[in-house]
Every structure is written in C-alpha cells, then in structure tokens.
C-alpha cells in the first residue's frame, strides 16, 4: 500500500488542466454565441433602416434584388466572419 501513496495527487494534477480547458472552451463558445446574437440584431436594424431609406451607420454590406424583394447582406467587421441577409418588399415600385 505504500507504493500507491500520492496516486490521487498525480491523477488530480492530470485532471485539473483538462477540466480548466473544458470550462474555458465552454465560456469562449458562450461569448461567441453572444457576439453572433448581437451582430444579428445590429444587422437587422441596419438592413431595415437602409431599405426604408433612413440614415444608417456604416457597415460592410451588399445590396441586391430578388424578384419583388430588396435584399441586404451585412457582413461583420469582427475577427469572426458573420454574415446575415435580410429581404423586404420594395416600397414605391
């Protein structure tokens, strides 16, 4: 029994870095999901304002038409490449 002394400490030393890495990855993915939700909200606000002809903040976007719809594809300026497309019926045509 004396030769097993410290085995629990050694196992704990191997387990702790893996547990810390798992928690860090989980928190990082939660932060990424929050950034995506924030971008979706901002992209929707931008597309709606742009398509209604209201003043907008500058975003990287691409405008195109699909039949009776006017579409705006908004791209993020963050290190992650988020992209959203919103379409509305053309107004006044």
Protein backbone atom coordinates (compact mmCIF):
# COMPACT_ATOMS: atom_id res chain seq x y z
CA UNK A 1 0.00 0.00 0.00
CA UNK A 2 2.89 2.37 0.48
CA UNK A 3 3.67 2.34 -3.24
CA UNK A 4 0.24 3.91 -4.08
CA UNK A 5 0.88 6.95 -1.96
CA UNK A 6 0.41 10.14 -3.99
CA UNK A 7 -1.52 8.43 -6.78
CA UNK A 8 -4.59 10.59 -6.16
CA UNK A 9 -2.48 13.75 -6.29
CA UNK A 10 -0.96 12.66 -9.61
CA UNK A 11 -4.37 11.90 -11.08
CA UNK A 12 -5.65 15.27 -9.85
CA UNK A 13 -2.68 17.01 -11.48
CA UNK A 14 -3.58 15.37 -14.81
CA UNK A 15 -7.31 16.05 -14.49
CA UNK A 16 -7.20 19.75 -13.49
CA UNK A 17 -5.70 21.15 -16.73
CA UNK A 18 -8.23 19.20 -18.79
CA UNK A 19 -11.10 20.47 -16.63
CA UNK A 20 -9.85 24.07 -16.85
CA UNK A 21 -9.53 23.74 -20.65
CA UNK A 22 -13.08 22.40 -20.93
CA UNK A 23 -14.51 25.26 -18.85
CA UNK A 24 -12.52 27.82 -20.87
CA UNK A 25 -13.80 26.42 -24.17
CA UNK A 26 -17.36 26.42 -22.85
CA UNK A 27 -17.12 30.07 -21.77
CA UNK A 28 -15.49 31.00 -25.06
CA UNK A 29 -18.27 29.42 -27.09
CA UNK A 30 -20.85 31.24 -24.95
CA UNK A 31 -19.12 34.55 -25.67
CA UNK A 32 -19.04 33.75 -29.40
CA UNK A 33 -22.77 32.98 -29.35
CA UNK A 34 -23.48 36.31 -27.64
CA UNK A 35 -21.43 38.13 -30.30
CA UNK A 36 -23.46 36.38 -33.02
CA UNK A 37 -26.77 37.40 -31.43
CA UNK A 38 -25.55 40.99 -31.08
CA UNK A 39 -24.45 41.03 -34.74
CA UNK A 40 -27.81 39.63 -35.91
CA UNK A 41 -29.66 42.39 -34.07
CA UNK A 42 -27.38 45.12 -35.48
CA UNK A 43 -27.59 43.65 -39.00
CA UNK A 44 -31.39 43.58 -38.84
CA UNK A 45 -31.51 47.20 -37.65
CA UNK A 46 -29.10 48.28 -40.40
CA UNK A 47 -30.93 46.41 -43.17
CA UNK A 48 -34.32 47.75 -42.12
CA UNK A 49 -33.03 51.33 -41.92
CA UNK A 50 -31.17 51.04 -45.23
CA UNK A 51 -34.10 49.53 -47.14
CA UNK A 52 -36.52 52.15 -45.78
CA UNK A 53 -34.11 54.94 -46.77
CA UNK A 54 -33.34 56.05 -43.21
CA UNK A 55 -29.89 57.24 -42.12
CA UNK A 56 -27.67 54.28 -41.23
CA UNK A 57 -24.38 53.58 -39.54
CA UNK A 58 -21.65 52.34 -41.83
CA UNK A 59 -21.46 48.57 -42.25
CA UNK A 60 -19.92 46.33 -44.88
CA UNK A 61 -22.92 45.31 -46.99
CA UNK A 62 -24.05 44.15 -50.41
CA UNK A 63 -27.42 45.16 -51.91
CA UNK A 64 -29.30 43.05 -54.46
CA UNK A 65 -32.80 42.36 -55.74
CA UNK A 66 -34.63 39.03 -55.76
CA UNK A 67 -37.84 39.45 -57.71
CA UNK A 68 -40.08 41.80 -55.72
CA UNK A 69 -37.67 41.82 -52.78
CA UNK A 70 -34.81 44.16 -51.97
CA UNK A 71 -32.12 42.31 -50.05
CA UNK A 72 -29.17 43.49 -48.00
CA UNK A 73 -26.37 41.15 -46.98
CA UNK A 74 -24.50 42.54 -43.98
CA UNK A 75 -21.00 41.33 -43.06
CA UNK A 76 -19.28 41.75 -39.72
CA UNK A 77 -16.08 43.67 -39.22
CA UNK A 78 -15.03 41.47 -36.31
CA UNK A 79 -12.34 38.76 -36.43
CA UNK A 80 -15.14 36.21 -36.94
CA UNK A 81 -16.81 36.35 -40.34
CA UNK A 82 -20.50 36.64 -39.56
CA UNK A 83 -22.89 37.27 -42.43
CA UNK A 84 -26.65 37.89 -42.47
CA UNK A 85 -29.13 38.58 -45.23
CA UNK A 86 -32.44 40.37 -44.81
CA UNK A 87 -35.06 41.00 -47.52
CA UNK A 88 -38.07 43.32 -47.64
CA UNK A 89 -40.69 44.07 -50.28
CA UNK A 90 -39.76 47.01 -52.47
CA UNK A 91 -41.50 50.20 -51.47
CA UNK A 92 -42.99 52.54 -54.06
CA UNK A 93 -42.33 50.41 -57.15
